[in-house]
Amino acid sequence: MKIEKPKLQLQLLEAEPIYSLDSKTEYKNKLIENVTLDMLEASKVSFENVVFRHVTIFESSLEQCEFTDVRFEHCDFSNVKLQNSFMHRTEWQNCKLVGTDFTSSRWQNVRVAQSIGDYSNFRFAHLKQVEYTDCSLIGADFAYLKLQKIAIAACKLDQVAFTGTAMKGLDLSDSEFDALVLTMQDLAGCAIAPHQAATFAGLMGLIIK
């Protein structure tokens, strides 16, 4: 699967200290780094050609924001509300997204690598050409998603909820999990490893001795 990388124009980046975010504001050609922000309340903020590096945001709501050609490096957005956000050509590298709320968001050409997204919420989101590599997604909510060309490789998926999400074409064979929350109808067409089959035996009414 080909995922478009952020088309970053690094020569245009200007370091800018950020102390707050204002609604309906555009941030373009910025390097935002080494900052901790809290109690933010903003919506419809636009980011284009932006690098976030060592940025921590907590106790904040950033709904309906747009991220195009953006890279996040070593950032912590745990428990931030990012509902109805749009991300295109965006990368998350070595980030913490524990409990982050992406409900009803749209992601296209997004890569998440070596990151922790335990208990993150993607319910009703639309993910197209998205890749998770070497991530922890324990307890994440992927219910009622619309998936188009999504790859999950070498991830920890225990207790992830896929209820109502068609998993056809998804390959979980090299990821780790003891249990997933789903139905057999959701699982149809998903690739798993032989040793993972026992996990789903109960859904089929089987008893393994």
N, C-alpha and C. Protein backbone atom coordinates (compact mmCIF):
# COMPACT_ATOMS: atom_id res chain seq x y z
N MET A 1 0.83 -1.19 0.00
CA MET A 1 0.00 0.00 0.00
C MET A 1 0.87 1.25 0.00
N LYS A 2 0.60 2.15 -0.93
CA LYS A 2 1.37 3.38 -1.02
C LYS A 2 0.69 4.48 -0.23
N ILE A 3 1.43 5.07 0.68
CA ILE A 3 0.91 6.20 1.46
C ILE A 3 1.73 7.43 1.12
N GLU A 4 1.07 8.49 0.75
CA GLU A 4 1.77 9.73 0.44
C GLU A 4 2.35 10.33 1.71
N LYS A 5 3.63 10.66 1.67
CA LYS A 5 4.28 11.30 2.81
C LYS A 5 3.93 12.79 2.85
N PRO A 6 4.08 13.39 4.03
CA PRO A 6 3.87 14.85 4.10
C PRO A 6 4.78 15.57 3.12
N LYS A 7 4.22 16.48 2.36
CA LYS A 7 5.01 17.27 1.42
C LYS A 7 5.53 18.50 2.15
N LEU A 8 6.47 18.23 3.06
CA LEU A 8 7.00 19.30 3.89
C LEU A 8 8.05 20.10 3.13
N GLN A 9 7.95 21.38 3.21
CA GLN A 9 8.96 22.29 2.66
C GLN A 9 9.74 22.84 3.86
N LEU A 10 10.74 22.06 4.25
CA LEU A 10 11.44 22.36 5.49
C LEU A 10 12.15 23.71 5.45
N GLN A 11 12.55 24.14 4.28
CA GLN A 11 13.26 25.42 4.17
C GLN A 11 12.34 26.60 4.50
N LEU A 12 11.03 26.35 4.49
CA LEU A 12 10.09 27.44 4.79
C LEU A 12 9.69 27.50 6.25
N LEU A 13 10.09 26.49 7.02
CA LEU A 13 9.65 26.43 8.41
C LEU A 13 10.27 27.55 9.24
N GLU A 14 9.45 28.19 10.01
CA GLU A 14 9.89 29.23 10.93
C GLU A 14 9.53 28.82 12.35
N ALA A 15 10.53 28.83 13.23
CA ALA A 15 10.26 28.51 14.62
C ALA A 15 9.39 29.60 15.23
N GLU A 16 8.33 29.19 15.87
CA GLU A 16 7.42 30.17 16.46
C GLU A 16 6.95 29.68 17.82
N PRO A 17 7.16 30.47 18.86
CA PRO A 17 6.63 30.08 20.18
C PRO A 17 5.11 30.17 20.18
N ILE A 18 4.48 29.11 20.62
CA ILE A 18 3.01 29.06 20.66
C ILE A 18 2.57 28.96 22.12
N TYR A 19 1.73 29.86 22.54
CA TYR A 19 1.25 29.84 23.92
C TYR A 19 -0.24 29.51 24.01
N SER A 20 -0.92 29.58 22.87
CA SER A 20 -2.33 29.22 22.81
C SER A 20 -2.68 29.01 21.34
N LEU A 21 -3.87 28.50 21.08
CA LEU A 21 -4.37 28.34 19.72
C LEU A 21 -5.73 29.02 19.64
N ASP A 22 -5.93 29.76 18.58
CA ASP A 22 -7.18 30.49 18.40
C ASP A 22 -8.03 29.81 17.34
N SER A 23 -9.33 29.77 17.56
CA SER A 23 -10.25 29.16 16.60
C SER A 23 -10.18 29.87 15.25
N LYS A 24 -10.40 29.10 14.21
CA LYS A 24 -10.46 29.60 12.84
C LYS A 24 -9.19 30.35 12.44
N THR A 25 -8.05 29.84 12.92
CA THR A 25 -6.76 30.44 12.61
C THR A 25 -5.93 29.46 11.78
N GLU A 26 -5.15 29.98 10.84
CA GLU A 26 -4.29 29.13 10.01
C GLU A 26 -2.84 29.26 10.45
N TYR A 27 -2.20 28.11 10.67
CA TYR A 27 -0.76 28.07 10.98
C TYR A 27 -0.08 27.38 9.81
N LYS A 28 0.81 28.10 9.15
CA LYS A 28 1.44 27.59 7.94
C LYS A 28 2.94 27.83 7.99
N ASN A 29 3.70 26.81 7.55
CA ASN A 29 5.16 26.92 7.48
C ASN A 29 5.76 27.19 8.86
N LYS A 30 5.37 26.37 9.84
CA LYS A 30 5.81 26.60 11.21
C LYS A 30 6.54 25.37 11.77
N LEU A 31 7.51 25.63 12.62
CA LEU A 31 8.12 24.62 13.47
C LEU A 31 7.71 24.95 14.90
N ILE A 32 6.94 24.05 15.49
CA ILE A 32 6.46 24.25 16.86
C ILE A 32 7.13 23.18 17.71
N GLU A 33 7.96 23.58 18.65
CA GLU A 33 8.71 22.59 19.40
C GLU A 33 8.95 23.01 20.84
N ASN A 34 9.19 21.97 21.67
CA ASN A 34 9.57 22.16 23.08
C ASN A 34 8.59 23.06 23.83
N VAL A 35 7.30 22.71 23.71
CA VAL A 35 6.29 23.51 24.39
C VAL A 35 5.26 22.59 25.03
N THR A 36 4.72 23.02 26.17
CA THR A 36 3.63 22.32 26.84
C THR A 36 2.45 23.28 26.96
N LEU A 37 1.30 22.84 26.46
CA LEU A 37 0.09 23.66 26.48
C LEU A 37 -1.02 22.90 27.18
N ASP A 38 -1.86 23.63 27.90
CA ASP A 38 -3.00 22.97 28.54
C ASP A 38 -4.22 23.88 28.51
N MET A 39 -5.37 23.28 28.75
CA MET A 39 -6.64 23.99 28.84
C MET A 39 -6.95 24.77 27.56
N LEU A 40 -6.59 24.22 26.41
CA LEU A 40 -6.91 24.87 25.14
C LEU A 40 -8.34 24.57 24.73
N GLU A 41 -9.02 25.58 24.20
CA GLU A 41 -10.37 25.41 23.66
C GLU A 41 -10.40 26.13 22.33
N ALA A 42 -10.28 25.37 21.24
CA ALA A 42 -10.27 25.97 19.92
C ALA A 42 -10.87 25.00 18.92
N SER A 43 -11.40 25.53 17.84
CA SER A 43 -11.98 24.69 16.80
C SER A 43 -11.67 25.29 15.44
N LYS A 44 -11.71 24.43 14.41
CA LYS A 44 -11.49 24.83 13.03
C LYS A 44 -10.14 25.54 12.85
N VAL A 45 -9.13 25.02 13.54
CA VAL A 45 -7.77 25.52 13.36
C VAL A 45 -7.13 24.74 12.21
N SER A 46 -6.39 25.42 11.36
CA SER A 46 -5.78 24.78 10.19
C SER A 46 -4.26 24.80 10.32
N PHE A 47 -3.63 23.64 10.05
CA PHE A 47 -2.17 23.52 10.07
C PHE A 47 -1.71 22.99 8.72
N GLU A 48 -0.79 23.68 8.07
CA GLU A 48 -0.25 23.24 6.78
C GLU A 48 1.26 23.46 6.75
N ASN A 49 1.98 22.43 6.34
CA ASN A 49 3.44 22.47 6.31
C ASN A 49 3.96 22.86 7.71
N VAL A 50 3.62 22.01 8.68
CA VAL A 50 3.97 22.28 10.08
C VAL A 50 4.63 21.04 10.67
N VAL A 51 5.66 21.24 11.47
CA VAL A 51 6.28 20.17 12.24
C VAL A 51 6.09 20.47 13.72
N PHE A 52 5.48 19.50 14.43
CA PHE A 52 5.38 19.55 15.88
C PHE A 52 6.47 18.65 16.45
N ARG A 53 7.32 19.19 17.32
CA ARG A 53 8.41 18.40 17.86
C ARG A 53 8.49 18.61 19.38
N HIS A 54 8.38 17.52 20.12
CA HIS A 54 8.41 17.59 21.58
C HIS A 54 7.35 18.57 22.09
N VAL A 55 6.13 18.39 21.60
CA VAL A 55 5.00 19.22 22.02
C VAL A 55 4.05 18.37 22.88
N THR A 56 3.66 18.91 24.02
CA THR A 56 2.70 18.24 24.90
C THR A 56 1.46 19.12 25.03
N ILE A 57 0.30 18.52 24.77
CA ILE A 57 -0.99 19.21 24.95
C ILE A 57 -1.87 18.33 25.80
N PHE A 58 -2.46 18.89 26.85
CA PHE A 58 -3.35 18.10 27.69
C PHE A 58 -4.51 18.94 28.19
N GLU A 59 -5.57 18.23 28.63
CA GLU A 59 -6.80 18.87 29.10
C GLU A 59 -7.30 19.90 28.08
N SER A 60 -7.37 19.49 26.80
CA SER A 60 -7.70 20.43 25.74
C SER A 60 -8.70 19.85 24.75
N SER A 61 -9.41 20.75 24.08
CA SER A 61 -10.37 20.38 23.04
C SER A 61 -10.03 21.13 21.77
N LEU A 62 -9.72 20.38 20.71
CA LEU A 62 -9.35 20.95 19.41
C LEU A 62 -10.19 20.27 18.33
N GLU A 63 -11.45 20.60 18.28
CA GLU A 63 -12.38 19.93 17.38
C GLU A 63 -12.38 20.58 15.99
N GLN A 64 -12.67 19.75 14.99
CA GLN A 64 -12.80 20.18 13.59
C GLN A 64 -11.54 20.88 13.08
N CYS A 65 -10.38 20.41 13.52
CA CYS A 65 -9.12 20.99 13.04
C CYS A 65 -8.64 20.23 11.81
N GLU A 66 -7.84 20.91 10.98
CA GLU A 66 -7.31 20.31 9.76
C GLU A 66 -5.79 20.30 9.80
N PHE A 67 -5.22 19.15 9.43
CA PHE A 67 -3.77 18.97 9.40
C PHE A 67 -3.38 18.45 8.02
N THR A 68 -2.66 19.23 7.25
CA THR A 68 -2.21 18.83 5.93
C THR A 68 -0.70 19.04 5.82
N ASP A 69 0.00 17.98 5.42
CA ASP A 69 1.46 18.01 5.35
C ASP A 69 2.04 18.40 6.70
N VAL A 70 1.77 17.54 7.67
CA VAL A 70 2.16 17.79 9.07
C VAL A 70 2.89 16.57 9.60
N ARG A 71 3.92 16.81 10.42
CA ARG A 71 4.63 15.73 11.09
C ARG A 71 4.66 16.02 12.59
N PHE A 72 4.33 14.97 13.37
CA PHE A 72 4.41 15.03 14.82
C PHE A 72 5.56 14.14 15.26
N GLU A 73 6.52 14.69 16.00
CA GLU A 73 7.67 13.93 16.48
C GLU A 73 7.77 14.04 18.00
N HIS A 74 7.72 12.90 18.68
CA HIS A 74 7.88 12.87 20.13
C HIS A 74 6.90 13.82 20.82
N CYS A 75 5.64 13.73 20.40
CA CYS A 75 4.60 14.59 20.98
C CYS A 75 3.69 13.77 21.89
N ASP A 76 3.02 14.45 22.81
CA ASP A 76 2.06 13.82 23.71
C ASP A 76 0.74 14.58 23.62
N PHE A 77 -0.23 13.95 22.96
CA PHE A 77 -1.58 14.52 22.83
C PHE A 77 -2.59 13.64 23.58
N SER A 78 -2.17 13.01 24.64
CA SER A 78 -3.04 12.09 25.38
C SER A 78 -4.27 12.82 25.91
N ASN A 79 -5.42 12.17 25.70
CA ASN A 79 -6.72 12.65 26.18
C ASN A 79 -7.17 13.97 25.55
N VAL A 80 -6.49 14.41 24.50
CA VAL A 80 -6.95 15.61 23.79
C VAL A 80 -8.17 15.24 22.93
N LYS A 81 -9.14 16.14 22.86
CA LYS A 81 -10.33 15.92 22.04
C LYS A 81 -10.08 16.50 20.65
N LEU A 82 -10.00 15.60 19.68
CA LEU A 82 -9.77 15.99 18.28
C LEU A 82 -10.89 15.45 17.40
N GLN A 83 -12.13 15.50 17.91
CA GLN A 83 -13.25 14.97 17.14
C GLN A 83 -13.44 15.75 15.84
N ASN A 84 -13.92 15.03 14.84
CA ASN A 84 -14.24 15.63 13.55
C ASN A 84 -13.04 16.34 12.91
N SER A 85 -11.84 15.85 13.22
CA SER A 85 -10.65 16.44 12.62
C SER A 85 -10.38 15.81 11.25
N PHE A 86 -9.56 16.49 10.46
CA PHE A 86 -9.18 15.99 9.14
C PHE A 86 -7.67 15.98 9.06
N MET A 87 -7.09 14.83 8.69
CA MET A 87 -5.64 14.71 8.56
C MET A 87 -5.30 14.13 7.20
N HIS A 88 -4.41 14.82 6.48
CA HIS A 88 -4.01 14.38 5.15
C HIS A 88 -2.50 14.54 5.02
N ARG A 89 -1.84 13.48 4.56
CA ARG A 89 -0.37 13.45 4.48
C ARG A 89 0.23 13.89 5.82
N THR A 90 -0.06 13.09 6.82
CA THR A 90 0.36 13.40 8.19
C THR A 90 1.06 12.19 8.80
N GLU A 91 2.10 12.44 9.60
CA GLU A 91 2.84 11.38 10.27
C GLU A 91 2.90 11.64 11.77
N TRP A 92 2.72 10.55 12.54
CA TRP A 92 2.93 10.56 13.98
C TRP A 92 4.10 9.61 14.26
N GLN A 93 5.19 10.13 14.81
CA GLN A 93 6.38 9.32 15.07
C GLN A 93 6.76 9.43 16.54
N ASN A 94 6.79 8.27 17.23
CA ASN A 94 7.16 8.23 18.65
C ASN A 94 6.29 9.17 19.48
N CYS A 95 5.00 9.06 19.32
CA CYS A 95 4.06 9.94 20.02
C CYS A 95 3.20 9.17 21.01
N LYS A 96 2.60 9.90 21.95
CA LYS A 96 1.63 9.34 22.90
C LYS A 96 0.26 9.90 22.56
N LEU A 97 -0.67 8.96 22.30
CA LEU A 97 -2.05 9.32 21.98
C LEU A 97 -2.99 8.51 22.86
N VAL A 98 -2.64 8.41 24.13
CA VAL A 98 -3.43 7.59 25.06
C VAL A 98 -4.75 8.30 25.35
N GLY A 99 -5.85 7.64 25.01
CA GLY A 99 -7.17 8.20 25.27
C GLY A 99 -7.54 9.36 24.38
N THR A 100 -6.76 9.64 23.34
CA THR A 100 -7.07 10.74 22.44
C THR A 100 -8.35 10.44 21.67
N ASP A 101 -9.20 11.44 21.53
CA ASP A 101 -10.53 11.24 20.94
C ASP A 101 -10.55 11.75 19.50
N PHE A 102 -10.56 10.81 18.55
CA PHE A 102 -10.63 11.13 17.13
C PHE A 102 -12.00 10.77 16.56
N THR A 103 -13.03 10.75 17.37
CA THR A 103 -14.36 10.36 16.92
C THR A 103 -14.78 11.12 15.66
N SER A 104 -15.30 10.38 14.70
CA SER A 104 -15.85 10.96 13.46
C SER A 104 -14.83 11.76 12.65
N SER A 105 -13.55 11.43 12.82
CA SER A 105 -12.52 12.13 12.06
C SER A 105 -12.29 11.45 10.71
N ARG A 106 -11.59 12.15 9.82
CA ARG A 106 -11.22 11.61 8.52
C ARG A 106 -9.71 11.67 8.38
N TRP A 107 -9.12 10.51 8.14
CA TRP A 107 -7.67 10.41 7.93
C TRP A 107 -7.42 9.87 6.54
N GLN A 108 -6.51 10.49 5.82
CA GLN A 108 -6.11 9.98 4.51
C GLN A 108 -4.60 10.19 4.34
N ASN A 109 -3.92 9.11 3.96
CA ASN A 109 -2.46 9.14 3.85
C ASN A 109 -1.82 9.55 5.18
N VAL A 110 -2.08 8.73 6.19
CA VAL A 110 -1.57 8.98 7.54
C VAL A 110 -0.77 7.77 7.99
N ARG A 111 0.39 8.03 8.56
CA ARG A 111 1.24 6.95 9.10
C ARG A 111 1.48 7.22 10.58
N VAL A 112 1.28 6.17 11.40
CA VAL A 112 1.54 6.25 12.84
C VAL A 112 2.57 5.17 13.16
N ALA A 113 3.71 5.54 13.73
CA ALA A 113 4.79 4.58 13.95
C ALA A 113 5.39 4.74 15.34
N GLN A 114 5.72 3.60 15.95
CA GLN A 114 6.38 3.56 17.26
C GLN A 114 5.67 4.49 18.25
N SER A 115 4.35 4.43 18.26
CA SER A 115 3.56 5.32 19.11
C SER A 115 2.63 4.52 20.01
N ILE A 116 2.13 5.19 21.05
CA ILE A 116 1.23 4.55 22.01
C ILE A 116 -0.15 5.20 21.87
N GLY A 117 -1.12 4.42 21.41
CA GLY A 117 -2.48 4.92 21.23
C GLY A 117 -3.49 4.13 22.03
N ASP A 118 -3.07 3.62 23.20
CA ASP A 118 -3.99 2.84 24.04
C ASP A 118 -5.23 3.67 24.37
N TYR A 119 -6.39 3.02 24.26
CA TYR A 119 -7.69 3.60 24.62
C TYR A 119 -8.04 4.84 23.80
N SER A 120 -7.40 5.02 22.67
CA SER A 120 -7.81 6.10 21.77
C SER A 120 -9.15 5.74 21.14
N ASN A 121 -9.87 6.75 20.69
CA ASN A 121 -11.24 6.56 20.21
C ASN A 121 -11.37 7.03 18.76
N PHE A 122 -11.67 6.08 17.87
CA PHE A 122 -11.86 6.38 16.46
C PHE A 122 -13.28 6.06 15.99
N ARG A 123 -14.19 5.91 16.91
CA ARG A 123 -15.55 5.48 16.54
C ARG A 123 -16.14 6.40 15.46
N PHE A 124 -16.72 5.78 14.45
CA PHE A 124 -17.36 6.46 13.32
C PHE A 124 -16.38 7.24 12.44
N ALA A 125 -15.09 6.99 12.57
CA ALA A 125 -14.11 7.68 11.74
C ALA A 125 -14.01 7.02 10.36
N HIS A 126 -13.38 7.73 9.43
CA HIS A 126 -13.13 7.22 8.08
C HIS A 126 -11.63 7.22 7.88
N LEU A 127 -11.03 6.04 7.77
CA LEU A 127 -9.59 5.91 7.60
C LEU A 127 -9.30 5.37 6.21
N LYS A 128 -8.57 6.12 5.41
CA LYS A 128 -8.23 5.72 4.04
C LYS A 128 -6.73 5.85 3.84
N GLN A 129 -6.10 4.76 3.45
CA GLN A 129 -4.64 4.71 3.27
C GLN A 129 -3.93 5.18 4.55
N VAL A 130 -4.13 4.36 5.57
CA VAL A 130 -3.57 4.63 6.91
C VAL A 130 -2.74 3.44 7.34
N GLU A 131 -1.61 3.70 7.96
CA GLU A 131 -0.71 2.63 8.38
C GLU A 131 -0.29 2.82 9.84
N TYR A 132 -0.45 1.75 10.62
CA TYR A 132 0.07 1.69 11.98
C TYR A 132 1.21 0.68 11.99
N THR A 133 2.37 1.09 12.48
CA THR A 133 3.52 0.20 12.54
C THR A 133 4.14 0.25 13.93
N ASP A 134 4.27 -0.93 14.55
CA ASP A 134 4.94 -1.04 15.85
C ASP A 134 4.33 -0.09 16.88
N CYS A 135 3.01 -0.13 16.99
CA CYS A 135 2.29 0.73 17.93
C CYS A 135 1.56 -0.11 18.98
N SER A 136 1.28 0.49 20.12
CA SER A 136 0.41 -0.11 21.11
C SER A 136 -0.96 0.56 21.01
N LEU A 137 -1.99 -0.26 20.75
CA LEU A 137 -3.36 0.24 20.60
C LEU A 137 -4.30 -0.49 21.54
N ILE A 138 -3.80 -0.90 22.67
CA ILE A 138 -4.58 -1.68 23.62
C ILE A 138 -5.85 -0.93 24.03
N GLY A 139 -6.98 -1.60 23.91
CA GLY A 139 -8.25 -1.02 24.34
C GLY A 139 -8.77 0.10 23.45
N ALA A 140 -8.19 0.29 22.29
CA ALA A 140 -8.66 1.36 21.40
C ALA A 140 -10.04 1.03 20.84
N ASP A 141 -10.79 2.07 20.49
CA ASP A 141 -12.14 1.89 19.96
C ASP A 141 -12.13 2.17 18.46
N PHE A 142 -12.17 1.09 17.68
CA PHE A 142 -12.23 1.18 16.22
C PHE A 142 -13.61 0.72 15.73
N ALA A 143 -14.63 0.95 16.55
CA ALA A 143 -15.97 0.49 16.20
C ALA A 143 -16.63 1.40 15.17
N TYR A 144 -17.38 0.76 14.29
CA TYR A 144 -18.18 1.47 13.29
C TYR A 144 -17.31 2.38 12.41
N LEU A 145 -16.13 1.89 12.06
CA LEU A 145 -15.25 2.63 11.18
C LEU A 145 -15.54 2.31 9.73
N LYS A 146 -15.17 3.23 8.86
CA LYS A 146 -15.11 2.96 7.43
C LYS A 146 -13.64 2.87 7.07
N LEU A 147 -13.19 1.67 6.69
CA LEU A 147 -11.79 1.43 6.41
C LEU A 147 -11.57 1.25 4.92
N GLN A 148 -10.57 1.95 4.39
CA GLN A 148 -10.16 1.78 3.00
C GLN A 148 -8.64 1.73 2.96
N LYS A 149 -8.10 0.58 2.68
CA LYS A 149 -6.65 0.40 2.58
C LYS A 149 -5.95 0.83 3.87
N ILE A 150 -6.14 0.03 4.91
CA ILE A 150 -5.49 0.28 6.19
C ILE A 150 -4.56 -0.87 6.49
N ALA A 151 -3.37 -0.58 6.97
CA ALA A 151 -2.39 -1.60 7.33
C ALA A 151 -2.04 -1.48 8.80
N ILE A 152 -2.04 -2.62 9.49
CA ILE A 152 -1.66 -2.67 10.91
C ILE A 152 -0.57 -3.72 11.03
N ALA A 153 0.64 -3.29 11.37
CA ALA A 153 1.79 -4.20 11.37
C ALA A 153 2.49 -4.16 12.73
N ALA A 154 2.69 -5.36 13.30
CA ALA A 154 3.46 -5.50 14.53
C ALA A 154 2.95 -4.60 15.65
N CYS A 155 1.63 -4.60 15.84
CA CYS A 155 1.02 -3.76 16.87
C CYS A 155 0.43 -4.59 18.00
N LYS A 156 0.26 -3.99 19.15
CA LYS A 156 -0.42 -4.60 20.29
C LYS A 156 -1.88 -4.17 20.25
N LEU A 157 -2.76 -5.16 20.09
CA LEU A 157 -4.18 -4.86 19.82
C LEU A 157 -5.13 -5.44 20.85
N ASP A 158 -4.63 -5.88 21.98
CA ASP A 158 -5.52 -6.56 22.93
C ASP A 158 -6.69 -5.67 23.33
N GLN A 159 -7.90 -6.26 23.27
CA GLN A 159 -9.15 -5.61 23.66
C GLN A 159 -9.55 -4.45 22.75
N VAL A 160 -8.98 -4.38 21.55
CA VAL A 160 -9.44 -3.36 20.60
C VAL A 160 -10.86 -3.72 20.15
N ALA A 161 -11.73 -2.73 20.06
CA ALA A 161 -13.11 -2.95 19.63
C ALA A 161 -13.24 -2.66 18.13
N PHE A 162 -13.63 -3.69 17.36
CA PHE A 162 -13.88 -3.54 15.93
C PHE A 162 -15.37 -3.73 15.62
N THR A 163 -16.22 -3.68 16.60
CA THR A 163 -17.65 -3.94 16.39
C THR A 163 -18.22 -3.01 15.32
N GLY A 164 -18.92 -3.60 14.37
CA GLY A 164 -19.55 -2.80 13.32
C GLY A 164 -18.60 -2.33 12.24
N THR A 165 -17.36 -2.79 12.27
CA THR A 165 -16.36 -2.39 11.28
C THR A 165 -16.03 -3.57 10.37
N ALA A 166 -16.22 -3.40 9.08
CA ALA A 166 -15.88 -4.47 8.13
C ALA A 166 -14.36 -4.57 8.02
N MET A 167 -13.81 -5.72 8.42
CA MET A 167 -12.36 -5.90 8.48
C MET A 167 -11.79 -6.63 7.28
N LYS A 168 -12.57 -6.77 6.23
CA LYS A 168 -12.12 -7.45 5.03
C LYS A 168 -10.87 -6.76 4.47
N GLY A 169 -9.82 -7.55 4.21
CA GLY A 169 -8.58 -7.02 3.67
C GLY A 169 -7.58 -6.58 4.72
N LEU A 170 -7.99 -6.58 5.97
CA LEU A 170 -7.08 -6.20 7.06
C LEU A 170 -6.24 -7.41 7.47
N ASP A 171 -4.96 -7.21 7.69
CA ASP A 171 -4.04 -8.29 8.05
C ASP A 171 -3.53 -8.06 9.47
N LEU A 172 -3.94 -8.92 10.39
CA LEU A 172 -3.53 -8.82 11.79
C LEU A 172 -2.55 -9.91 12.17
N SER A 173 -2.02 -10.62 11.19
CA SER A 173 -1.27 -11.85 11.47
C SER A 173 0.03 -11.62 12.24
N ASP A 174 0.62 -10.44 12.15
CA ASP A 174 1.87 -10.22 12.88
C ASP A 174 1.69 -9.26 14.06
N SER A 175 0.44 -9.06 14.45
CA SER A 175 0.15 -8.24 15.63
C SER A 175 -0.19 -9.14 16.82
N GLU A 176 -0.19 -8.57 18.03
CA GLU A 176 -0.40 -9.32 19.25
C GLU A 176 -1.75 -8.97 19.89
N PHE A 177 -2.50 -10.00 20.27
CA PHE A 177 -3.74 -9.77 21.03
C PHE A 177 -4.19 -11.08 21.64
N ASP A 178 -4.81 -11.00 22.81
CA ASP A 178 -5.44 -12.15 23.45
C ASP A 178 -6.94 -12.16 23.20
N ALA A 179 -7.51 -10.98 22.98
CA ALA A 179 -8.94 -10.89 22.73
C ALA A 179 -9.24 -9.60 21.99
N LEU A 180 -10.24 -9.67 21.09
CA LEU A 180 -10.74 -8.49 20.39
C LEU A 180 -12.25 -8.43 20.60
N VAL A 181 -12.80 -7.24 20.51
CA VAL A 181 -14.25 -7.06 20.66
C VAL A 181 -14.85 -6.90 19.27
N LEU A 182 -15.55 -7.96 18.80
CA LEU A 182 -16.11 -7.95 17.46
C LEU A 182 -17.07 -9.12 17.30
N THR A 183 -17.66 -9.23 16.12
CA THR A 183 -18.48 -10.38 15.78
C THR A 183 -17.83 -11.11 14.62
N MET A 184 -18.24 -12.32 14.36
CA MET A 184 -17.71 -13.06 13.22
C MET A 184 -18.01 -12.35 11.91
N GLN A 185 -19.12 -11.66 11.84
CA GLN A 185 -19.46 -10.91 10.63
C GLN A 185 -18.44 -9.79 10.41
N ASP A 186 -18.02 -9.14 11.48
CA ASP A 186 -16.99 -8.09 11.35
C ASP A 186 -15.68 -8.67 10.84
N LEU A 187 -15.34 -9.87 11.29
CA LEU A 187 -14.05 -10.48 11.02
C LEU A 187 -13.91 -11.04 9.61
N ALA A 188 -15.00 -11.22 8.91
CA ALA A 188 -14.97 -11.88 7.60
C ALA A 188 -13.98 -11.21 6.65
N GLY A 189 -13.07 -12.01 6.10
CA GLY A 189 -12.10 -11.51 5.14
C GLY A 189 -10.84 -10.95 5.76
N CYS A 190 -10.73 -11.00 7.08
CA CYS A 190 -9.53 -10.51 7.77
C CYS A 190 -8.49 -11.63 7.84
N ALA A 191 -7.23 -11.30 7.64
CA ALA A 191 -6.16 -12.29 7.68
C ALA A 191 -5.59 -12.37 9.10
N ILE A 192 -5.50 -13.60 9.63
CA ILE A 192 -4.91 -13.82 10.95
C ILE A 192 -3.93 -14.99 10.85
N ALA A 193 -3.07 -15.11 11.85
CA ALA A 193 -2.11 -16.22 11.89
C ALA A 193 -2.79 -17.45 12.50
N PRO A 194 -2.30 -18.66 12.18
CA PRO A 194 -2.92 -19.87 12.73
C PRO A 194 -3.03 -19.87 14.25
N HIS A 195 -2.01 -19.36 14.94
CA HIS A 195 -2.06 -19.39 16.41
C HIS A 195 -3.09 -18.41 16.98
N GLN A 196 -3.59 -17.50 16.14
CA GLN A 196 -4.59 -16.55 16.61
C GLN A 196 -6.02 -17.07 16.47
N ALA A 197 -6.18 -18.17 15.73
CA ALA A 197 -7.52 -18.66 15.43
C ALA A 197 -8.29 -19.04 16.69
N ALA A 198 -7.58 -19.56 17.69
CA ALA A 198 -8.25 -19.98 18.91
C ALA A 198 -8.93 -18.82 19.62
N THR A 199 -8.43 -17.62 19.40
CA THR A 199 -9.01 -16.43 20.03
C THR A 199 -10.47 -16.26 19.62
N PHE A 200 -10.80 -16.69 18.40
CA PHE A 200 -12.14 -16.46 17.87
C PHE A 200 -13.02 -17.70 17.94
N ALA A 201 -12.52 -18.75 18.53
CA ALA A 201 -13.30 -19.99 18.58
C ALA A 201 -14.61 -19.80 19.31
N GLY A 202 -14.59 -19.02 20.38
CA GLY A 202 -15.80 -18.80 21.16
C GLY A 202 -16.90 -18.11 20.36
N LEU A 203 -16.50 -17.25 19.42
CA LEU A 203 -17.49 -16.57 18.59
C LEU A 203 -18.22 -17.56 17.69
N MET A 204 -17.55 -18.68 17.38
CA MET A 204 -18.16 -19.68 16.50
C MET A 204 -18.82 -20.81 17.29
N GLY A 205 -18.79 -20.69 18.61
CA GLY A 205 -19.39 -21.72 19.45
C GLY A 205 -18.55 -22.95 19.58
N LEU A 206 -17.26 -22.86 19.27
CA LEU A 206 -16.37 -24.01 19.34
C LEU A 206 -15.78 -24.17 20.74
N ILE A 207 -15.51 -25.40 21.09
CA ILE A 207 -14.81 -25.71 22.33
C ILE A 207 -13.51 -26.42 21.96
N ILE A 208 -12.38 -25.82 22.30
CA ILE A 208 -11.09 -26.40 21.96
C ILE A 208 -10.54 -27.18 23.15
N LYS A 209 -10.21 -28.46 22.92
CA LYS A 209 -9.68 -29.30 23.99
C LYS A 209 -8.21 -29.61 23.72
